[in-house]
């Protein structure tokens, strides 16, 4: 998982600062680390880590600015 800092998307691309990463994580998560989200309006499911899954992932940080 990567967390990035980005300029406001309404700025013209030539005026934006380059994207920069502020956090980078690499860890092993399993199916049990995800929430069971119902289907959305468009009929698609989303995969989202639950609170403990995010905590587990963030324990394995590689880079923090």
C-alpha atoms as a PDB file:
ATOM      1  CA  UNK A   1       0.000   0.000   0.000  1.00  0.00           C
ATOM      2  CA  UNK A   2       1.317   3.448  -0.846  1.00  0.00           C
ATOM      3  CA  UNK A   3       0.141   6.761   0.570  1.00  0.00           C
ATOM      4  CA  UNK A   4       0.906   9.714  -1.648  1.00  0.00           C
ATOM      5  CA  UNK A   5       0.674  13.471  -1.445  1.00  0.00           C
ATOM      6  CA  UNK A   6      -0.829  15.021  -4.547  1.00  0.00           C
ATOM      7  CA  UNK A   7      -1.742  18.512  -5.663  1.00  0.00           C
ATOM      8  CA  UNK A   8      -5.332  19.615  -6.056  1.00  0.00           C
ATOM      9  CA  UNK A   9      -6.728  17.876  -9.141  1.00  0.00           C
ATOM     10  CA  UNK A  10      -8.405  21.078 -10.368  1.00  0.00           C
ATOM     11  CA  UNK A  11      -4.992  22.624 -11.057  1.00  0.00           C
ATOM     12  CA  UNK A  12      -3.734  22.482 -14.612  1.00  0.00           C
ATOM     13  CA  UNK A  13      -1.225  19.648 -14.934  1.00  0.00           C
ATOM     14  CA  UNK A  14       1.627  22.000 -15.851  1.00  0.00           C
ATOM     15  CA  UNK A  15       1.122  23.858 -12.534  1.00  0.00           C
ATOM     16  CA  UNK A  16       1.020  20.792 -10.274  1.00  0.00           C
ATOM     17  CA  UNK A  17       3.846  19.698  -8.042  1.00  0.00           C
ATOM     18  CA  UNK A  18       5.113  16.184  -8.705  1.00  0.00           C
ATOM     19  CA  UNK A  19       3.373  13.434  -6.755  1.00  0.00           C
ATOM     20  CA  UNK A  20       5.396  12.270  -3.755  1.00  0.00           C
ATOM     21  CA  UNK A  21       5.000   9.231  -1.536  1.00  0.00           C
ATOM     22  CA  UNK A  22       4.701   9.810   2.211  1.00  0.00           C
ATOM     23  CA  UNK A  23       4.240   6.190   3.339  1.00  0.00           C
ATOM     24  CA  UNK A  24       4.908   2.766   1.842  1.00  0.00           C
ATOM     25  CA  UNK A  25       3.815  -0.567   3.346  1.00  0.00           C
ATOM     26  CA  UNK A  26       4.420  -4.157   2.295  1.00  0.00           C
ATOM     27  CA  UNK A  27       2.861  -6.949   4.279  1.00  0.00           C
ATOM     28  CA  UNK A  28       0.943 -10.195   4.067  1.00  0.00           C
ATOM     29  CA  UNK A  29      -2.802  -9.959   4.613  1.00  0.00           C
ATOM     30  CA  UNK A  30      -5.351 -12.730   4.248  1.00  0.00           C
ATOM     31  CA  UNK A  31      -9.008 -12.859   3.261  1.00  0.00           C
ATOM     32  CA  UNK A  32      -9.911 -12.635   6.958  1.00  0.00           C
ATOM     33  CA  UNK A  33      -8.297  -9.168   7.110  1.00  0.00           C
ATOM     34  CA  UNK A  34     -10.935  -7.722   4.761  1.00  0.00           C
ATOM     35  CA  UNK A  35     -14.416  -6.378   5.485  1.00  0.00           C
ATOM     36  CA  UNK A  36     -17.388  -8.072   3.917  1.00  0.00           C
ATOM     37  CA  UNK A  37     -18.831  -5.202   1.886  1.00  0.00           C
ATOM     38  CA  UNK A  38     -22.214  -5.600   0.221  1.00  0.00           C
ATOM     39  CA  UNK A  39     -22.578  -4.980  -3.478  1.00  0.00           C
ATOM     40  CA  UNK A  40     -22.631  -1.311  -4.402  1.00  0.00           C
ATOM     41  CA  UNK A  41     -25.111   0.552  -6.567  1.00  0.00           C
ATOM     42  CA  UNK A  42     -23.387  -0.651  -9.732  1.00  0.00           C
ATOM     43  CA  UNK A  43     -23.340  -4.264  -8.591  1.00  0.00           C
ATOM     44  CA  UNK A  44     -19.622  -4.384  -7.843  1.00  0.00           C
ATOM     45  CA  UNK A  45     -17.989  -5.485  -4.617  1.00  0.00           C
ATOM     46  CA  UNK A  46     -15.167  -3.545  -3.046  1.00  0.00           C
ATOM     47  CA  UNK A  47     -12.239  -5.033  -1.139  1.00  0.00           C
ATOM     48  CA  UNK A  48     -11.395  -2.992   1.933  1.00  0.00           C
ATOM     49  CA  UNK A  49      -9.173  -3.949   4.844  1.00  0.00           C
ATOM     50  CA  UNK A  50     -10.913  -3.731   8.211  1.00  0.00           C
ATOM     51  CA  UNK A  51      -9.375  -1.854  11.165  1.00  0.00           C
ATOM     52  CA  UNK A  52      -7.235  -4.771  12.357  1.00  0.00           C
ATOM     53  CA  UNK A  53      -6.150  -5.562   8.786  1.00  0.00           C
ATOM     54  CA  UNK A  54      -4.903  -2.007   8.296  1.00  0.00           C
ATOM     55  CA  UNK A  55      -3.104  -2.166  11.652  1.00  0.00           C
ATOM     56  CA  UNK A  56      -1.452  -5.435  10.586  1.00  0.00           C
ATOM     57  CA  UNK A  57      -0.322  -3.902   7.280  1.00  0.00           C
ATOM     58  CA  UNK A  58       0.981  -0.688   8.880  1.00  0.00           C
ATOM     59  CA  UNK A  59       3.181  -2.692  11.244  1.00  0.00           C
ATOM     60  CA  UNK A  60       5.246  -3.605   8.150  1.00  0.00           C
ATOM     61  CA  UNK A  61       6.252  -0.165   6.957  1.00  0.00           C
ATOM     62  CA  UNK A  62       9.074   0.260   4.457  1.00  0.00           C
ATOM     63  CA  UNK A  63       9.145   4.053   4.164  1.00  0.00           C
ATOM     64  CA  UNK A  64       7.694   6.978   6.085  1.00  0.00           C
ATOM     65  CA  UNK A  65       8.436  10.617   5.223  1.00  0.00           C
END
